[in-house]
Amino acid sequence: MTNRDIEDYVHQLVHIMQQAAWNSTPNPHKPPTTDTCTPTIKQEILDKRQLRKQWQQSRSPQDKAKFSKATTELKQLLLDHKQQAIQT
């Protein structure tokens, strides 16, 4: 038995072990997300983010009130959407 034969056997062994590992490992597929937001919710999120940015820059009480109102409305909209999804 030569060094070349030993290297070939080791290569075959490694290949067999890799194949066994690949065959026994499940594919990491992420299930498609079916919980997508409606365009209304997406727009509300964008509006809230813009109001938060505006408030963070100005620290105005009026901007804080607008931001808080948008946050509350978005929470209610998301809750309604979740309840509707549960019912269907």
N, C-alpha and C. Protein backbone atom coordinates (compact mmCIF):
# COMPACT_ATOMS: atom_id res chain seq x y z
N MET A 1 0.86 -1.17 0.00
CA MET A 1 0.00 0.00 0.00
C MET A 1 0.90 1.24 0.00
N THR A 2 0.66 2.12 -0.94
CA THR A 2 1.50 3.31 -1.08
C THR A 2 0.83 4.50 -0.42
N ASN A 3 1.60 5.56 -0.35
CA ASN A 3 1.06 6.81 0.22
C ASN A 3 -0.11 7.31 -0.62
N ARG A 4 -0.02 7.11 -1.92
CA ARG A 4 -1.09 7.56 -2.82
C ARG A 4 -2.39 6.79 -2.54
N ASP A 5 -2.29 5.50 -2.30
CA ASP A 5 -3.46 4.69 -1.96
C ASP A 5 -4.11 5.17 -0.67
N ILE A 6 -3.28 5.46 0.32
CA ILE A 6 -3.79 5.94 1.61
C ILE A 6 -4.51 7.27 1.44
N GLU A 7 -3.92 8.17 0.65
CA GLU A 7 -4.56 9.47 0.41
C GLU A 7 -5.89 9.29 -0.31
N ASP A 8 -5.95 8.38 -1.26
CA ASP A 8 -7.21 8.12 -1.97
C ASP A 8 -8.29 7.58 -1.03
N TYR A 9 -7.91 6.66 -0.15
CA TYR A 9 -8.87 6.11 0.82
C TYR A 9 -9.36 7.18 1.80
N VAL A 10 -8.43 8.02 2.25
CA VAL A 10 -8.81 9.09 3.16
C VAL A 10 -9.76 10.06 2.44
N HIS A 11 -9.45 10.36 1.19
CA HIS A 11 -10.31 11.26 0.41
C HIS A 11 -11.71 10.65 0.25
N GLN A 12 -11.78 9.35 -0.04
CA GLN A 12 -13.07 8.67 -0.16
C GLN A 12 -13.83 8.70 1.17
N LEU A 13 -13.11 8.47 2.27
CA LEU A 13 -13.74 8.47 3.58
C LEU A 13 -14.32 9.85 3.90
N VAL A 14 -13.54 10.89 3.63
CA VAL A 14 -14.02 12.25 3.88
C VAL A 14 -15.25 12.54 3.02
N HIS A 15 -15.20 12.13 1.76
CA HIS A 15 -16.33 12.35 0.86
C HIS A 15 -17.59 11.63 1.36
N ILE A 16 -17.45 10.40 1.81
CA ILE A 16 -18.59 9.64 2.33
C ILE A 16 -19.16 10.31 3.58
N MET A 17 -18.27 10.78 4.45
CA MET A 17 -18.74 11.45 5.67
C MET A 17 -19.46 12.75 5.34
N GLN A 18 -18.94 13.49 4.38
CA GLN A 18 -19.61 14.74 3.98
C GLN A 18 -20.98 14.45 3.39
N GLN A 19 -21.07 13.46 2.54
CA GLN A 19 -22.36 13.09 1.94
C GLN A 19 -23.36 12.69 3.01
N ALA A 20 -22.91 11.91 4.00
CA ALA A 20 -23.80 11.48 5.08
C ALA A 20 -24.29 12.69 5.87
N ALA A 21 -23.40 13.63 6.14
CA ALA A 21 -23.79 14.83 6.88
C ALA A 21 -24.77 15.67 6.07
N TRP A 22 -24.51 15.84 4.79
CA TRP A 22 -25.41 16.64 3.95
C TRP A 22 -26.78 15.98 3.82
N ASN A 23 -26.80 14.65 3.70
CA ASN A 23 -28.08 13.96 3.56
C ASN A 23 -28.90 13.96 4.85
N SER A 24 -28.23 14.01 6.00
CA SER A 24 -28.97 13.96 7.26
C SER A 24 -29.34 15.34 7.79
N THR A 25 -28.83 16.39 7.18
CA THR A 25 -29.11 17.75 7.64
C THR A 25 -30.28 18.31 6.84
N PRO A 26 -31.34 18.78 7.52
CA PRO A 26 -32.46 19.36 6.78
C PRO A 26 -32.07 20.69 6.16
N ASN A 27 -32.74 21.01 5.07
CA ASN A 27 -32.49 22.30 4.42
C ASN A 27 -33.09 23.42 5.26
N PRO A 28 -32.35 24.49 5.45
CA PRO A 28 -32.88 25.59 6.28
C PRO A 28 -33.82 26.49 5.49
N HIS A 29 -34.99 25.98 5.17
CA HIS A 29 -35.97 26.78 4.44
C HIS A 29 -36.80 27.59 5.43
N LYS A 30 -36.93 28.86 5.14
CA LYS A 30 -37.84 29.68 5.94
C LYS A 30 -39.22 29.58 5.31
N PRO A 31 -40.23 29.34 6.12
CA PRO A 31 -41.57 29.28 5.53
C PRO A 31 -41.96 30.67 5.03
N PRO A 32 -42.69 30.73 3.94
CA PRO A 32 -43.08 32.05 3.43
C PRO A 32 -44.00 32.74 4.43
N THR A 33 -43.75 34.00 4.62
CA THR A 33 -44.56 34.74 5.58
C THR A 33 -45.89 35.09 4.93
N THR A 34 -46.94 34.72 5.61
CA THR A 34 -48.28 35.02 5.11
C THR A 34 -48.88 36.20 5.84
N ASP A 35 -48.20 36.65 6.90
CA ASP A 35 -48.71 37.76 7.69
C ASP A 35 -48.11 39.06 7.16
N THR A 36 -48.62 39.50 6.03
CA THR A 36 -48.13 40.73 5.44
C THR A 36 -49.05 41.88 5.84
N CYS A 37 -48.47 43.03 5.90
CA CYS A 37 -49.25 44.22 6.29
C CYS A 37 -50.03 44.74 5.09
N THR A 38 -51.13 45.34 5.40
CA THR A 38 -51.92 45.98 4.36
C THR A 38 -51.24 47.30 4.00
N PRO A 39 -51.55 47.84 2.84
CA PRO A 39 -50.96 49.14 2.48
C PRO A 39 -51.31 50.25 3.48
N THR A 40 -52.48 50.16 4.09
CA THR A 40 -52.87 51.16 5.09
C THR A 40 -51.94 51.09 6.30
N ILE A 41 -51.64 49.88 6.76
CA ILE A 41 -50.76 49.72 7.91
C ILE A 41 -49.35 50.19 7.57
N LYS A 42 -48.89 49.83 6.38
CA LYS A 42 -47.55 50.26 5.96
C LYS A 42 -47.45 51.78 5.94
N GLN A 43 -48.49 52.43 5.44
CA GLN A 43 -48.49 53.89 5.39
C GLN A 43 -48.51 54.49 6.79
N GLU A 44 -49.29 53.89 7.68
CA GLU A 44 -49.33 54.37 9.07
C GLU A 44 -47.97 54.22 9.74
N ILE A 45 -47.27 53.13 9.46
CA ILE A 45 -45.93 52.94 10.02
C ILE A 45 -44.98 54.01 9.51
N LEU A 46 -45.04 54.27 8.21
CA LEU A 46 -44.18 55.31 7.63
C LEU A 46 -44.49 56.69 8.23
N ASP A 47 -45.77 56.98 8.40
CA ASP A 47 -46.17 58.26 8.99
C ASP A 47 -45.66 58.37 10.43
N LYS A 48 -45.81 57.29 11.19
CA LYS A 48 -45.35 57.31 12.58
C LYS A 48 -43.85 57.52 12.66
N ARG A 49 -43.11 56.86 11.79
CA ARG A 49 -41.65 57.02 11.79
C ARG A 49 -41.25 58.45 11.45
N GLN A 50 -41.97 59.03 10.51
CA GLN A 50 -41.67 60.41 10.14
C GLN A 50 -41.99 61.37 11.30
N LEU A 51 -43.11 61.13 11.97
CA LEU A 51 -43.47 61.97 13.11
C LEU A 51 -42.47 61.80 14.26
N ARG A 52 -41.97 60.57 14.47
CA ARG A 52 -40.98 60.35 15.51
C ARG A 52 -39.69 61.11 15.19
N LYS A 53 -39.29 61.05 13.93
CA LYS A 53 -38.07 61.77 13.52
C LYS A 53 -38.25 63.28 13.72
N GLN A 54 -39.42 63.76 13.34
CA GLN A 54 -39.70 65.20 13.50
C GLN A 54 -39.66 65.59 14.98
N TRP A 55 -40.26 64.76 15.84
CA TRP A 55 -40.27 65.06 17.26
C TRP A 55 -38.85 64.99 17.85
N GLN A 56 -38.06 63.98 17.43
CA GLN A 56 -36.70 63.84 17.96
C GLN A 56 -35.83 65.03 17.60
N GLN A 57 -36.11 65.63 16.45
CA GLN A 57 -35.31 66.77 16.04
C GLN A 57 -35.75 68.06 16.73
N SER A 58 -37.05 68.20 16.96
CA SER A 58 -37.54 69.47 17.51
C SER A 58 -37.78 69.43 19.02
N ARG A 59 -38.15 68.26 19.56
CA ARG A 59 -38.53 68.10 20.97
C ARG A 59 -39.68 69.02 21.36
N SER A 60 -40.51 69.29 20.39
CA SER A 60 -41.67 70.15 20.61
C SER A 60 -42.81 69.33 21.23
N PRO A 61 -43.55 69.91 22.20
CA PRO A 61 -44.69 69.20 22.78
C PRO A 61 -45.78 68.89 21.74
N GLN A 62 -45.95 69.79 20.76
CA GLN A 62 -46.95 69.55 19.72
C GLN A 62 -46.56 68.35 18.86
N ASP A 63 -45.25 68.26 18.54
CA ASP A 63 -44.77 67.13 17.75
C ASP A 63 -44.87 65.83 18.55
N LYS A 64 -44.62 65.91 19.84
CA LYS A 64 -44.73 64.74 20.70
C LYS A 64 -46.18 64.26 20.74
N ALA A 65 -47.12 65.19 20.79
CA ALA A 65 -48.54 64.83 20.83
C ALA A 65 -48.95 64.15 19.51
N LYS A 66 -48.47 64.69 18.38
CA LYS A 66 -48.78 64.07 17.09
C LYS A 66 -48.20 62.66 17.01
N PHE A 67 -46.97 62.52 17.49
CA PHE A 67 -46.30 61.22 17.47
C PHE A 67 -47.04 60.22 18.36
N SER A 68 -47.43 60.66 19.54
CA SER A 68 -48.15 59.78 20.46
C SER A 68 -49.49 59.35 19.88
N LYS A 69 -50.19 60.29 19.25
CA LYS A 69 -51.48 59.98 18.63
C LYS A 69 -51.30 58.96 17.51
N ALA A 70 -50.27 59.15 16.68
CA ALA A 70 -50.01 58.21 15.58
C ALA A 70 -49.65 56.84 16.12
N THR A 71 -48.90 56.79 17.22
CA THR A 71 -48.53 55.51 17.84
C THR A 71 -49.77 54.78 18.33
N THR A 72 -50.66 55.51 19.00
CA THR A 72 -51.89 54.91 19.52
C THR A 72 -52.77 54.39 18.38
N GLU A 73 -52.90 55.19 17.33
CA GLU A 73 -53.71 54.77 16.19
C GLU A 73 -53.13 53.53 15.52
N LEU A 74 -51.80 53.50 15.40
CA LEU A 74 -51.16 52.34 14.78
C LEU A 74 -51.35 51.09 15.63
N LYS A 75 -51.23 51.23 16.94
CA LYS A 75 -51.45 50.08 17.82
C LYS A 75 -52.87 49.54 17.64
N GLN A 76 -53.85 50.42 17.58
CA GLN A 76 -55.23 50.00 17.42
C GLN A 76 -55.45 49.35 16.06
N LEU A 77 -54.83 49.92 15.03
CA LEU A 77 -54.95 49.35 13.69
C LEU A 77 -54.34 47.95 13.63
N LEU A 78 -53.19 47.77 14.27
CA LEU A 78 -52.54 46.46 14.30
C LEU A 78 -53.36 45.46 15.11
N LEU A 79 -53.94 45.92 16.19
CA LEU A 79 -54.79 45.04 17.00
C LEU A 79 -56.02 44.60 16.21
N ASP A 80 -56.65 45.54 15.51
CA ASP A 80 -57.81 45.20 14.68
C ASP A 80 -57.42 44.20 13.58
N HIS A 81 -56.27 44.43 12.97
CA HIS A 81 -55.79 43.53 11.92
C HIS A 81 -55.54 42.13 12.48
N LYS A 82 -54.95 42.07 13.67
CA LYS A 82 -54.69 40.78 14.30
C LYS A 82 -55.99 40.06 14.64
N GLN A 83 -56.96 40.79 15.17
CA GLN A 83 -58.24 40.18 15.51
C GLN A 83 -58.95 39.67 14.25
N GLN A 84 -58.87 40.43 13.19
CA GLN A 84 -59.48 40.00 11.95
C GLN A 84 -58.79 38.75 11.40
N ALA A 85 -57.48 38.68 11.52
CA ALA A 85 -56.74 37.50 11.07
C ALA A 85 -57.10 36.28 11.88
N ILE A 86 -57.30 36.47 13.18
CA ILE A 86 -57.68 35.35 14.03
C ILE A 86 -59.07 34.84 13.66
N GLN A 87 -59.97 35.76 13.38
CA GLN A 87 -61.34 35.37 13.04
C GLN A 87 -61.41 34.62 11.71
N THR A 88 -60.53 34.99 10.78
CA THR A 88 -60.54 34.29 9.48
C THR A 88 -59.65 33.08 9.57
